[in-house]
Amino acid sequence: VQLQASGGGLVQAGGSLRLSCIASRNVFNIVYMGWYRQAPGKDRELVADSTSGGIVNYADSVKGRFTISVDNVKSTMYLQMSSLKPEDTAVYYCYQRNLLTKKEYWGQGTQVTVSS
């Protein structure tokens, strides 16, 4: 499975962006998937995730501002980001873990920069 992330860019504080992650193969019914981010000098952290059962989870820092969603027809996962803050600046990565094979896949990352 290959993951292709896109949608990052430069936005002013308070603005919005939507990230997309297209999977080369649709196995959404048997994967855990999520968005992670890594800011300069910091560890990679979970932003939001979704199980194949539809349960979603968000980091406290993005609750109420970010929304993760999945389009099974398009084999695409999204991260809608609103009310962006400078501290949201990071490289955002999409991720999948196959629940049957335990194999993990990462997208290449997309840069999000929020100016104050």
Protein backbone atom coordinates (compact mmCIF):
# COMPACT_ATOMS: atom_id res chain seq x y z
CA VAL A 1 0.00 0.00 0.00
CA GLN A 2 1.28 3.45 -0.90
CA LEU A 3 -0.07 6.56 0.75
CA GLN A 4 0.03 9.94 -0.99
CA ALA A 5 -0.58 12.97 1.24
CA SER A 6 -1.38 16.41 -0.10
CA GLY A 7 -3.12 19.64 0.78
CA GLY A 8 -0.57 21.35 2.97
CA GLY A 9 0.43 24.95 2.55
CA LEU A 10 0.85 28.34 4.14
CA VAL A 11 -2.16 29.82 5.89
CA GLN A 12 -2.78 32.64 8.33
CA ALA A 13 -3.84 31.93 11.89
CA GLY A 14 -7.56 31.30 12.03
CA GLY A 15 -7.60 29.86 8.53
CA SER A 16 -8.44 26.40 7.27
CA LEU A 17 -6.84 23.64 5.24
CA ARG A 18 -7.92 20.18 4.17
CA LEU A 19 -5.34 17.44 3.92
CA SER A 20 -5.92 14.38 1.77
CA CYS A 21 -4.30 10.97 1.85
CA ILE A 22 -4.97 8.67 -1.09
CA ALA A 23 -4.26 4.98 -0.65
CA SER A 24 -3.11 2.86 -3.58
CA ARG A 25 -5.26 0.04 -2.32
CA ASN A 26 -8.50 0.18 -0.38
CA VAL A 27 -8.27 -1.92 2.72
CA PHE A 28 -10.07 0.55 4.91
CA ASN A 29 -12.22 -2.16 6.44
CA ILE A 30 -9.22 -3.81 8.10
CA VAL A 31 -6.95 -0.92 8.99
CA TYR A 32 -6.26 1.53 11.70
CA MET A 33 -5.48 4.89 10.08
CA GLY A 34 -4.56 8.30 11.27
CA TRP A 35 -2.80 11.60 10.88
CA TYR A 36 0.40 12.41 12.73
CA ARG A 37 2.51 15.53 12.72
CA GLN A 38 6.06 16.47 13.52
CA ALA A 39 7.19 19.98 14.29
CA PRO A 40 10.87 20.97 14.10
CA GLY A 41 12.77 19.64 17.09
CA LYS A 42 9.79 17.69 18.38
CA ASP A 43 8.69 14.07 18.31
CA ARG A 44 6.05 12.90 15.90
CA GLU A 45 2.65 13.02 17.59
CA LEU A 46 -0.80 11.70 16.89
CA VAL A 47 -3.28 14.27 15.63
CA ALA A 48 -6.34 12.12 14.89
CA ASP A 49 -7.07 8.51 14.15
CA SER A 50 -9.87 6.25 13.04
CA THR A 51 -10.50 2.55 13.40
CA SER A 52 -12.21 0.39 10.80
CA GLY A 53 -15.17 0.36 13.18
CA GLY A 54 -15.55 4.09 12.75
CA ILE A 55 -14.28 5.17 16.16
CA VAL A 56 -12.31 8.40 15.95
CA ASN A 57 -9.91 9.95 18.39
CA TYR A 58 -8.30 13.38 18.55
CA ALA A 59 -5.37 14.91 20.34
CA ASP A 60 -6.59 17.35 22.98
CA SER A 61 -4.81 20.18 21.19
CA VAL A 62 -6.96 19.80 18.05
CA LYS A 63 -10.33 18.75 19.47
CA GLY A 64 -13.12 20.90 18.12
CA ARG A 65 -10.93 22.27 15.34
CA PHE A 66 -9.88 19.25 13.27
CA THR A 67 -12.03 16.53 11.74
CA ILE A 68 -10.85 13.22 10.33
CA SER A 69 -12.98 11.50 7.72
CA VAL A 70 -12.75 8.66 5.24
CA ASP A 71 -14.19 8.24 1.75
CA ASN A 72 -14.13 4.51 1.04
CA VAL A 73 -15.16 4.97 -2.60
CA LYS A 74 -12.17 7.24 -3.24
CA SER A 75 -9.82 5.33 -0.92
CA THR A 76 -9.03 8.66 0.65
CA MET A 77 -8.67 9.89 4.19
CA TYR A 78 -9.06 13.57 4.99
CA LEU A 79 -8.11 15.92 7.76
CA GLN A 80 -10.17 19.09 7.81
CA MET A 81 -8.32 21.68 9.87
CA SER A 82 -10.01 24.87 11.00
CA SER A 83 -9.10 27.72 13.34
CA LEU A 84 -5.47 26.97 12.68
CA LYS A 85 -2.87 28.22 15.12
CA PRO A 86 0.86 28.84 14.67
CA GLU A 87 1.52 25.86 16.94
CA ASP A 88 -0.16 23.63 14.34
CA THR A 89 2.83 24.24 12.07
CA ALA A 90 4.39 20.88 11.27
CA VAL A 91 4.84 18.22 8.64
CA TYR A 92 1.69 16.12 8.60
CA TYR A 93 1.86 12.41 7.82
CA CYS A 94 -0.88 9.93 7.09
CA TYR A 95 -0.53 6.43 8.45
CA GLN A 96 -2.13 3.02 8.11
CA ARG A 97 -1.66 -0.19 10.03
CA ASN A 98 -3.20 -3.34 8.63
CA LEU A 99 -4.94 -5.03 11.54
CA LEU A 100 -4.46 -8.50 10.03
CA THR A 101 -0.85 -8.36 8.78
CA LYS A 102 0.34 -5.67 11.26
CA LYS A 103 2.17 -3.97 8.39
CA GLU A 104 2.54 -0.23 8.69
CA TYR A 105 2.56 2.40 5.98
CA TRP A 106 3.40 6.10 6.06
CA GLY A 107 2.69 8.83 3.56
CA GLN A 108 5.47 11.15 2.52
CA GLY A 109 4.32 14.10 4.60
CA THR A 110 2.87 17.46 3.70
CA GLN A 111 4.02 20.74 5.22
CA VAL A 112 1.52 22.93 7.04
CA THR A 113 2.70 26.39 8.04
CA VAL A 114 0.47 28.73 10.02
CA SER A 115 1.58 32.34 10.26
CA SER A 116 0.59 34.60 13.14
